[in-house]
Amino acid sequence: MTLALFGIENDGLNLAVNLLVFFLFVIYVALVYWTYADATRRLEDPLLVACATVAALFPFIGTIVYTIVRPPEFLEDRHEREIEVKAAEKRLALLENRTCRNCGGEVEPSFLRCPSCMRKLKEPCRNCGKPLDPQWRVCPYCESEVAGFRAGAAERPRRSRREAERAESRGERERGRRTERTTAGERERESMRAREATKADLERDGADANSGDRTAEHGTEATAQGPSSQPPPPK
């Protein structure tokens, strides 16, 4: 005979109620275990895991609250993302080391100068001549100390930046001067052309005036010589 719950005396109905209660109890235990397992995969602090498990002991409500406030990603996914970010940063660092920061040309780690723009990339070791990184304190090839060299190498990027800024300002000034010179030259050429045109017009006007004067003089001479040239009348 089944256990009578809620005062139900009907065996069939009492069995259905008992099965429903058992089913709800199984779901409750499963939710508590799921909360604990999910918290261990999302939370690093054991205290937070214990708090989530205790909250899940409240039937159904604790699990719902945990589902709302839990972290959005698993610890494994976060670690994988961090590893991918670090790997991407390393790849970018390698690409930056293989390209010149000034012109973007391809360079090798053993290059001391960029073959395209001739910019200084690394300093050679004073003992063995191998290229050194500015952050190295000891040469890895000959084990010679480069501590004094490091201070100077740390100042050189700043100087190079200042020199680059100065070079850019000088280039802009030179461009402005060239533009001004070009404009002044064009103006001088235009003024010279105008002067030449004015001079040519004046010469033409003078030539026309001279020709007119000569024509008038010839006419006057012909008029003056006309009566004298005629033969005297007969007596």
C-alpha atoms as a PDB file:
ATOM      1  CA  MET A   1       0.000   0.000   0.000  1.00  0.00           C
ATOM      2  CA  THR A   2       1.411   3.401  -1.002  1.00  0.00           C
ATOM      3  CA  LEU A   3       1.995   6.250   1.412  1.00  0.00           C
ATOM      4  CA  ALA A   4      -1.016   8.539   1.592  1.00  0.00           C
ATOM      5  CA  LEU A   5      -0.163  12.196   1.091  1.00  0.00           C
ATOM      6  CA  PHE A   6      -2.451  15.207   1.502  1.00  0.00           C
ATOM      7  CA  GLY A   7      -5.102  12.847   2.951  1.00  0.00           C
ATOM      8  CA  ILE A   8      -5.720  11.127  -0.392  1.00  0.00           C
ATOM      9  CA  GLU A   9      -7.188   7.683   0.102  1.00  0.00           C
ATOM     10  CA  ASN A  10      -7.497   6.705  -3.549  1.00  0.00           C
ATOM     11  CA  ASP A  11      -4.618   4.414  -4.432  1.00  0.00           C
ATOM     12  CA  GLY A  12      -4.271   5.508  -8.068  1.00  0.00           C
ATOM     13  CA  LEU A  13      -4.353   9.214  -7.276  1.00  0.00           C
ATOM     14  CA  ASN A  14      -2.064   8.744  -4.298  1.00  0.00           C
ATOM     15  CA  LEU A  15       0.479   6.913  -6.517  1.00  0.00           C
ATOM     16  CA  ALA A  16       0.432   9.764  -9.034  1.00  0.00           C
ATOM     17  CA  VAL A  17       1.030  12.325  -6.302  1.00  0.00           C
ATOM     18  CA  ASN A  18       3.869  10.277  -4.854  1.00  0.00           C
ATOM     19  CA  LEU A  19       5.532   9.990  -8.260  1.00  0.00           C
ATOM     20  CA  LEU A  20       5.184  13.738  -8.793  1.00  0.00           C
ATOM     21  CA  VAL A  21       6.788  14.527  -5.443  1.00  0.00           C
ATOM     22  CA  PHE A  22       9.618  12.074  -6.149  1.00  0.00           C
ATOM     23  CA  PHE A  23      10.154  13.638  -9.559  1.00  0.00           C
ATOM     24  CA  LEU A  24      10.344  17.144  -8.060  1.00  0.00           C
ATOM     25  CA  PHE A  25      12.820  15.918  -5.413  1.00  0.00           C
ATOM     26  CA  VAL A  26      15.049  14.404  -8.114  1.00  0.00           C
ATOM     27  CA  ILE A  27      14.927  17.662 -10.090  1.00  0.00           C
ATOM     28  CA  TYR A  28      15.810  19.600  -6.912  1.00  0.00           C
ATOM     29  CA  VAL A  29      18.858  17.410  -6.216  1.00  0.00           C
ATOM     30  CA  ALA A  30      19.908  17.603  -9.860  1.00  0.00           C
ATOM     31  CA  LEU A  31      19.671  21.413  -9.795  1.00  0.00           C
ATOM     32  CA  VAL A  32      21.821  21.586  -6.664  1.00  0.00           C
ATOM     33  CA  TYR A  33      24.459  19.392  -8.286  1.00  0.00           C
ATOM     34  CA  TRP A  34      24.271  21.349 -11.549  1.00  0.00           C
ATOM     35  CA  THR A  35      24.744  24.615  -9.666  1.00  0.00           C
ATOM     36  CA  TYR A  36      27.807  23.239  -7.904  1.00  0.00           C
ATOM     37  CA  ALA A  37      29.314  21.828 -11.111  1.00  0.00           C
ATOM     38  CA  ASP A  38      28.634  24.990 -13.087  1.00  0.00           C
ATOM     39  CA  ALA A  39      30.045  27.216 -10.334  1.00  0.00           C
ATOM     40  CA  THR A  40      33.287  25.218 -10.230  1.00  0.00           C
ATOM     41  CA  ARG A  41      33.706  25.750 -13.994  1.00  0.00           C
ATOM     42  CA  ARG A  42      32.934  29.490 -13.877  1.00  0.00           C
ATOM     43  CA  LEU A  43      34.316  30.673 -10.504  1.00  0.00           C
ATOM     44  CA  GLU A  44      37.884  30.494  -9.213  1.00  0.00           C
ATOM     45  CA  ASP A  45      37.156  31.404  -5.587  1.00  0.00           C
ATOM     46  CA  PRO A  46      36.057  28.329  -3.546  1.00  0.00           C
ATOM     47  CA  LEU A  47      34.063  30.591  -1.231  1.00  0.00           C
ATOM     48  CA  LEU A  48      31.921  31.805  -4.108  1.00  0.00           C
ATOM     49  CA  VAL A  49      31.383  28.219  -5.217  1.00  0.00           C
ATOM     50  CA  ALA A  50      30.187  27.293  -1.721  1.00  0.00           C
ATOM     51  CA  CYS A  51      27.847  30.298  -1.604  1.00  0.00           C
ATOM     52  CA  ALA A  52      26.332  29.334  -4.960  1.00  0.00           C
ATOM     53  CA  THR A  53      25.807  25.760  -3.773  1.00  0.00           C
ATOM     54  CA  VAL A  54      24.170  26.913  -0.524  1.00  0.00           C
ATOM     55  CA  ALA A  55      21.899  29.249  -2.468  1.00  0.00           C
ATOM     56  CA  ALA A  56      20.866  26.335  -4.661  1.00  0.00           C
ATOM     57  CA  LEU A  57      19.577  24.500  -1.526  1.00  0.00           C
ATOM     58  CA  PHE A  58      16.619  26.846  -1.592  1.00  0.00           C
ATOM     59  CA  PRO A  59      14.288  24.956  -3.900  1.00  0.00           C
ATOM     60  CA  PHE A  60      14.416  26.290  -7.448  1.00  0.00           C
ATOM     61  CA  ILE A  61      14.763  29.959  -6.387  1.00  0.00           C
ATOM     62  CA  GLY A  62      18.473  29.685  -5.502  1.00  0.00           C
ATOM     63  CA  THR A  63      19.279  28.071  -8.856  1.00  0.00           C
ATOM     64  CA  ILE A  64      17.345  30.740 -10.750  1.00  0.00           C
ATOM     65  CA  VAL A  65      19.201  33.522  -8.909  1.00  0.00           C
ATOM     66  CA  TYR A  66      22.561  31.850  -9.582  1.00  0.00           C
ATOM     67  CA  THR A  67      21.698  31.527 -13.269  1.00  0.00           C
ATOM     68  CA  ILE A  68      21.076  35.281 -13.420  1.00  0.00           C
ATOM     69  CA  VAL A  69      24.244  36.431 -11.600  1.00  0.00           C
ATOM     70  CA  ARG A  70      26.752  33.795 -12.758  1.00  0.00           C
ATOM     71  CA  PRO A  71      29.765  34.827 -14.921  1.00  0.00           C
ATOM     72  CA  PRO A  72      29.106  34.757 -18.666  1.00  0.00           C
ATOM     73  CA  GLU A  73      32.025  32.486 -19.621  1.00  0.00           C
ATOM     74  CA  PHE A  74      33.825  29.392 -18.337  1.00  0.00           C
ATOM     75  CA  LEU A  75      37.285  29.515 -16.809  1.00  0.00           C
ATOM     76  CA  GLU A  76      38.677  27.371 -19.616  1.00  0.00           C
ATOM     77  CA  ASP A  77      37.289  29.715 -22.265  1.00  0.00           C
ATOM     78  CA  ARG A  78      38.758  32.708 -20.472  1.00  0.00           C
ATOM     79  CA  HIS A  79      42.163  31.048 -20.175  1.00  0.00           C
ATOM     80  CA  GLU A  80      42.074  30.104 -23.849  1.00  0.00           C
ATOM     81  CA  ARG A  81      41.170  33.658 -24.790  1.00  0.00           C
ATOM     82  CA  GLU A  82      44.040  35.019 -22.691  1.00  0.00           C
ATOM     83  CA  ILE A  83      46.434  32.569 -24.348  1.00  0.00           C
ATOM     84  CA  GLU A  84      45.212  33.606 -27.792  1.00  0.00           C
ATOM     85  CA  VAL A  85      45.651  37.290 -26.916  1.00  0.00           C
ATOM     86  CA  LYS A  86      49.193  36.659 -25.679  1.00  0.00           C
ATOM     87  CA  ALA A  87      50.011  34.682 -28.815  1.00  0.00           C
ATOM     88  CA  ALA A  88      48.623  37.485 -30.986  1.00  0.00           C
ATOM     89  CA  GLU A  89      50.717  40.026 -29.074  1.00  0.00           C
ATOM     90  CA  LYS A  90      53.821  37.896 -29.613  1.00  0.00           C
ATOM     91  CA  ARG A  91      53.064  37.636 -33.339  1.00  0.00           C
ATOM     92  CA  LEU A  92      52.624  41.392 -33.548  1.00  0.00           C
ATOM     93  CA  ALA A  93      55.892  41.882 -31.681  1.00  0.00           C
ATOM     94  CA  LEU A  94      57.649  39.586 -34.144  1.00  0.00           C
ATOM     95  CA  LEU A  95      56.137  41.448 -37.075  1.00  0.00           C
ATOM     96  CA  GLU A  96      57.204  44.772 -35.586  1.00  0.00           C
ATOM     97  CA  ASN A  97      60.726  43.448 -35.124  1.00  0.00           C
ATOM     98  CA  ARG A  98      60.785  42.303 -38.762  1.00  0.00           C
ATOM     99  CA  THR A  99      59.626  45.645 -40.167  1.00  0.00           C
ATOM    100  CA  CYS A 100      61.313  49.021 -39.979  1.00  0.00           C
ATOM    101  CA  ARG A 101      59.436  51.508 -37.838  1.00  0.00           C
ATOM    102  CA  ASN A 102      60.459  54.358 -40.099  1.00  0.00           C
ATOM    103  CA  CYS A 103      59.710  53.121 -43.631  1.00  0.00           C
ATOM    104  CA  GLY A 104      57.955  49.776 -43.018  1.00  0.00           C
ATOM    105  CA  GLY A 105      60.478  47.781 -45.013  1.00  0.00           C
ATOM    106  CA  GLU A 106      61.318  44.164 -44.187  1.00  0.00           C
ATOM    107  CA  VAL A 107      64.327  43.721 -41.919  1.00  0.00           C
ATOM    108  CA  GLU A 108      65.989  40.745 -40.291  1.00  0.00           C
ATOM    109  CA  PRO A 109      66.740  40.434 -36.558  1.00  0.00           C
ATOM    110  CA  SER A 110      70.461  40.550 -37.370  1.00  0.00           C
ATOM    111  CA  PHE A 111      70.261  43.869 -39.235  1.00  0.00           C
ATOM    112  CA  LEU A 112      71.903  46.895 -37.623  1.00  0.00           C
ATOM    113  CA  ARG A 113      70.480  49.363 -40.156  1.00  0.00           C
ATOM    114  CA  CYS A 114      67.458  49.361 -42.402  1.00  0.00           C
ATOM    115  CA  PRO A 115      68.612  48.733 -45.996  1.00  0.00           C
ATOM    116  CA  SER A 116      65.799  50.930 -47.358  1.00  0.00           C
ATOM    117  CA  CYS A 117      65.972  54.114 -45.276  1.00  0.00           C
ATOM    118  CA  MET A 118      69.370  53.592 -43.560  1.00  0.00           C
ATOM    119  CA  ARG A 119      67.860  54.125 -40.110  1.00  0.00           C
ATOM    120  CA  LYS A 120      69.735  52.731 -37.112  1.00  0.00           C
ATOM    121  CA  LEU A 121      67.865  49.684 -35.788  1.00  0.00           C
ATOM    122  CA  LYS A 122      70.239  48.128 -33.238  1.00  0.00           C
ATOM    123  CA  GLU A 123      73.623  48.750 -31.753  1.00  0.00           C
ATOM    124  CA  PRO A 124      76.459  46.224 -32.175  1.00  0.00           C
ATOM    125  CA  CYS A 125      78.205  44.611 -29.238  1.00  0.00           C
ATOM    126  CA  ARG A 126      81.515  46.284 -28.488  1.00  0.00           C
ATOM    127  CA  ASN A 127      83.175  42.919 -28.044  1.00  0.00           C
ATOM    128  CA  CYS A 128      81.764  40.591 -30.710  1.00  0.00           C
ATOM    129  CA  GLY A 129      79.866  43.007 -32.988  1.00  0.00           C
ATOM    130  CA  LYS A 130      76.561  41.086 -32.829  1.00  0.00           C
ATOM    131  CA  PRO A 131      73.299  43.124 -32.768  1.00  0.00           C
ATOM    132  CA  LEU A 132      71.971  43.844 -29.285  1.00  0.00           C
ATOM    133  CA  ASP A 133      68.466  44.546 -28.061  1.00  0.00           C
ATOM    134  CA  PRO A 134      68.108  47.824 -26.121  1.00  0.00           C
ATOM    135  CA  GLN A 135      66.694  45.900 -23.128  1.00  0.00           C
ATOM    136  CA  TRP A 136      69.631  43.495 -22.803  1.00  0.00           C
ATOM    137  CA  ARG A 137      72.124  43.978 -19.998  1.00  0.00           C
ATOM    138  CA  VAL A 138      74.517  41.264 -21.139  1.00  0.00           C
ATOM    139  CA  CYS A 139      75.425  40.191 -24.642  1.00  0.00           C
ATOM    140  CA  PRO A 140      74.101  36.628 -25.093  1.00  0.00           C
ATOM    141  CA  TYR A 141      76.827  35.821 -27.624  1.00  0.00           C
ATOM    142  CA  CYS A 142      80.002  36.805 -25.769  1.00  0.00           C
ATOM    143  CA  GLU A 143      78.630  37.448 -22.238  1.00  0.00           C
ATOM    144  CA  SER A 144      80.033  40.982 -22.115  1.00  0.00           C
ATOM    145  CA  GLU A 145      78.196  43.530 -20.001  1.00  0.00           C
ATOM    146  CA  VAL A 146      76.324  46.296 -21.790  1.00  0.00           C
ATOM    147  CA  ALA A 147      74.772  48.076 -18.791  1.00  0.00           C
ATOM    148  CA  GLY A 148      76.348  51.413 -19.676  1.00  0.00           C
ATOM    149  CA  PHE A 149      75.264  51.017 -23.273  1.00  0.00           C
ATOM    150  CA  ARG A 150      71.665  50.413 -22.256  1.00  0.00           C
ATOM    151  CA  ALA A 151      71.252  53.899 -20.783  1.00  0.00           C
ATOM    152  CA  GLY A 152      72.457  55.483 -23.989  1.00  0.00           C
ATOM    153  CA  ALA A 153      70.257  53.207 -26.077  1.00  0.00           C
ATOM    154  CA  ALA A 154      67.226  54.194 -24.021  1.00  0.00           C
ATOM    155  CA  GLU A 155      67.871  57.867 -24.816  1.00  0.00           C
ATOM    156  CA  ARG A 156      68.406  57.321 -28.536  1.00  0.00           C
ATOM    157  CA  PRO A 157      64.756  56.597 -29.419  1.00  0.00           C
ATOM    158  CA  ARG A 158      63.792  59.905 -27.813  1.00  0.00           C
ATOM    159  CA  ARG A 159      66.502  61.716 -29.776  1.00  0.00           C
ATOM    160  CA  SER A 160      65.480  59.969 -32.954  1.00  0.00           C
ATOM    161  CA  ARG A 161      61.873  61.033 -32.421  1.00  0.00           C
ATOM    162  CA  ARG A 162      62.931  64.603 -31.829  1.00  0.00           C
ATOM    163  CA  GLU A 163      65.165  64.492 -34.886  1.00  0.00           C
ATOM    164  CA  ALA A 164      62.311  63.077 -36.947  1.00  0.00           C
ATOM    165  CA  GLU A 165      59.985  65.846 -35.751  1.00  0.00           C
ATOM    166  CA  ARG A 166      62.626  68.448 -36.541  1.00  0.00           C
ATOM    167  CA  ALA A 167      63.200  66.921 -39.969  1.00  0.00           C
ATOM    168  CA  GLU A 168      59.463  67.004 -40.649  1.00  0.00           C
ATOM    169  CA  SER A 169      59.244  70.664 -39.599  1.00  0.00           C
ATOM    170  CA  ARG A 170      62.259  71.487 -41.773  1.00  0.00           C
ATOM    171  CA  GLY A 171      60.706  69.671 -44.712  1.00  0.00           C
ATOM    172  CA  GLU A 172      57.477  71.616 -44.291  1.00  0.00           C
ATOM    173  CA  ARG A 173      59.404  74.889 -44.138  1.00  0.00           C
ATOM    174  CA  GLU A 174      61.369  73.987 -47.266  1.00  0.00           C
ATOM    175  CA  ARG A 175      58.165  73.079 -49.075  1.00  0.00           C
ATOM    176  CA  GLY A 176      56.662  76.428 -48.097  1.00  0.00           C
ATOM    177  CA  ARG A 177      59.766  78.239 -49.296  1.00  0.00           C
ATOM    178  CA  ARG A 178      59.750  76.319 -52.570  1.00  0.00           C
ATOM    179  CA  THR A 179      56.095  77.196 -53.069  1.00  0.00           C
ATOM    180  CA  GLU A 180      56.820  80.858 -52.367  1.00  0.00           C
ATOM    181  CA  ARG A 181      59.798  80.799 -54.718  1.00  0.00           C
ATOM    182  CA  THR A 182      57.732  79.170 -57.438  1.00  0.00           C
ATOM    183  CA  THR A 183      54.978  81.763 -57.004  1.00  0.00           C
ATOM    184  CA  ALA A 184      57.491  84.640 -57.033  1.00  0.00           C
ATOM    185  CA  GLY A 185      59.173  83.210 -60.153  1.00  0.00           C
ATOM    186  CA  GLU A 186      55.856  82.936 -61.940  1.00  0.00           C
ATOM    187  CA  ARG A 187      55.021  86.506 -61.004  1.00  0.00           C
ATOM    188  CA  GLU A 188      58.386  87.729 -62.285  1.00  0.00           C
ATOM    189  CA  ARG A 189      57.889  85.833 -65.525  1.00  0.00           C
ATOM    190  CA  GLU A 190      54.449  87.357 -65.995  1.00  0.00           C
ATOM    191  CA  SER A 191      55.778  90.859 -65.281  1.00  0.00           C
ATOM    192  CA  MET A 192      58.648  90.312 -67.740  1.00  0.00           C
ATOM    193  CA  ARG A 193      56.203  89.119 -70.371  1.00  0.00           C
ATOM    194  CA  ALA A 194      54.021  92.190 -69.767  1.00  0.00           C
ATOM    195  CA  ARG A 195      57.070  94.464 -70.041  1.00  0.00           C
ATOM    196  CA  GLU A 196      58.170  92.817 -73.277  1.00  0.00           C
ATOM    197  CA  ALA A 197      54.663  93.143 -74.706  1.00  0.00           C
ATOM    198  CA  THR A 198      54.511  96.825 -73.674  1.00  0.00           C
ATOM    199  CA  LYS A 199      57.950  97.465 -75.160  1.00  0.00           C
ATOM    200  CA  ALA A 200      56.959  95.756 -78.425  1.00  0.00           C
ATOM    201  CA  ASP A 201      53.806  97.904 -78.604  1.00  0.00           C
ATOM    202  CA  LEU A 202      55.829 101.049 -77.995  1.00  0.00           C
ATOM    203  CA  GLU A 203      58.316 100.056 -80.687  1.00  0.00           C
ATOM    204  CA  ARG A 204      55.484  99.429 -83.117  1.00  0.00           C
ATOM    205  CA  ASP A 205      53.898 102.786 -82.304  1.00  0.00           C
ATOM    206  CA  GLY A 206      57.289 104.514 -82.752  1.00  0.00           C
ATOM    207  CA  ALA A 207      57.855 102.797 -86.073  1.00  0.00           C
ATOM    208  CA  ASP A 208      54.408 103.824 -87.263  1.00  0.00           C
ATOM    209  CA  ALA A 209      55.031 107.430 -86.149  1.00  0.00           C
ATOM    210  CA  ASN A 210      58.420 107.530 -87.911  1.00  0.00           C
ATOM    211  CA  SER A 211      56.930 106.209 -91.125  1.00  0.00           C
ATOM    212  CA  GLY A 212      54.162 108.825 -90.949  1.00  0.00           C
ATOM    213  CA  ASP A 213      56.691 111.629 -90.398  1.00  0.00           C
ATOM    214  CA  ARG A 214      58.791 110.459 -93.317  1.00  0.00           C
ATOM    215  CA  THR A 215      55.724 110.365 -95.579  1.00  0.00           C
ATOM    216  CA  ALA A 216      54.791 113.890 -94.528  1.00  0.00           C
ATOM    217  CA  GLU A 217      58.327 115.134 -95.146  1.00  0.00           C
ATOM    218  CA  HIS A 218      58.389 113.595 -98.615  1.00  0.00           C
ATOM    219  CA  GLY A 219      55.062 115.254 -99.443  1.00  0.00           C
ATOM    220  CA  THR A 220      56.302 118.634 -98.239  1.00  0.00           C
ATOM    221  CA  GLU A 221      59.476 118.354-100.287  1.00  0.00           C
ATOM    222  CA  ALA A 222      57.502 117.425-103.374  1.00  0.00           C
ATOM    223  CA  THR A 223      55.220 120.429-102.885  1.00  0.00           C
ATOM    224  CA  ALA A 224      58.196 122.742-102.394  1.00  0.00           C
ATOM    225  CA  GLN A 225      60.023 121.461-105.433  1.00  0.00           C
ATOM    226  CA  GLY A 226      56.922 121.528-107.701  1.00  0.00           C
ATOM    227  CA  PRO A 227      56.890 125.164-108.873  1.00  0.00           C
ATOM    228  CA  SER A 228      60.673 125.438-109.247  1.00  0.00           C
ATOM    229  CA  SER A 229      60.877 122.373-111.362  1.00  0.00           C
ATOM    230  CA  GLN A 230      58.392 123.702-113.973  1.00  0.00           C
ATOM    231  CA  PRO A 231      59.977 125.421-117.061  1.00  0.00           C
ATOM    232  CA  PRO A 232      59.564 129.233-117.298  1.00  0.00           C
ATOM    233  CA  PRO A 233      56.759 130.499-119.552  1.00  0.00           C
ATOM    234  CA  PRO A 234      57.785 131.770-123.032  1.00  0.00           C
ATOM    235  CA  LYS A 235      58.175 135.573-123.566  1.00  0.00           C
END
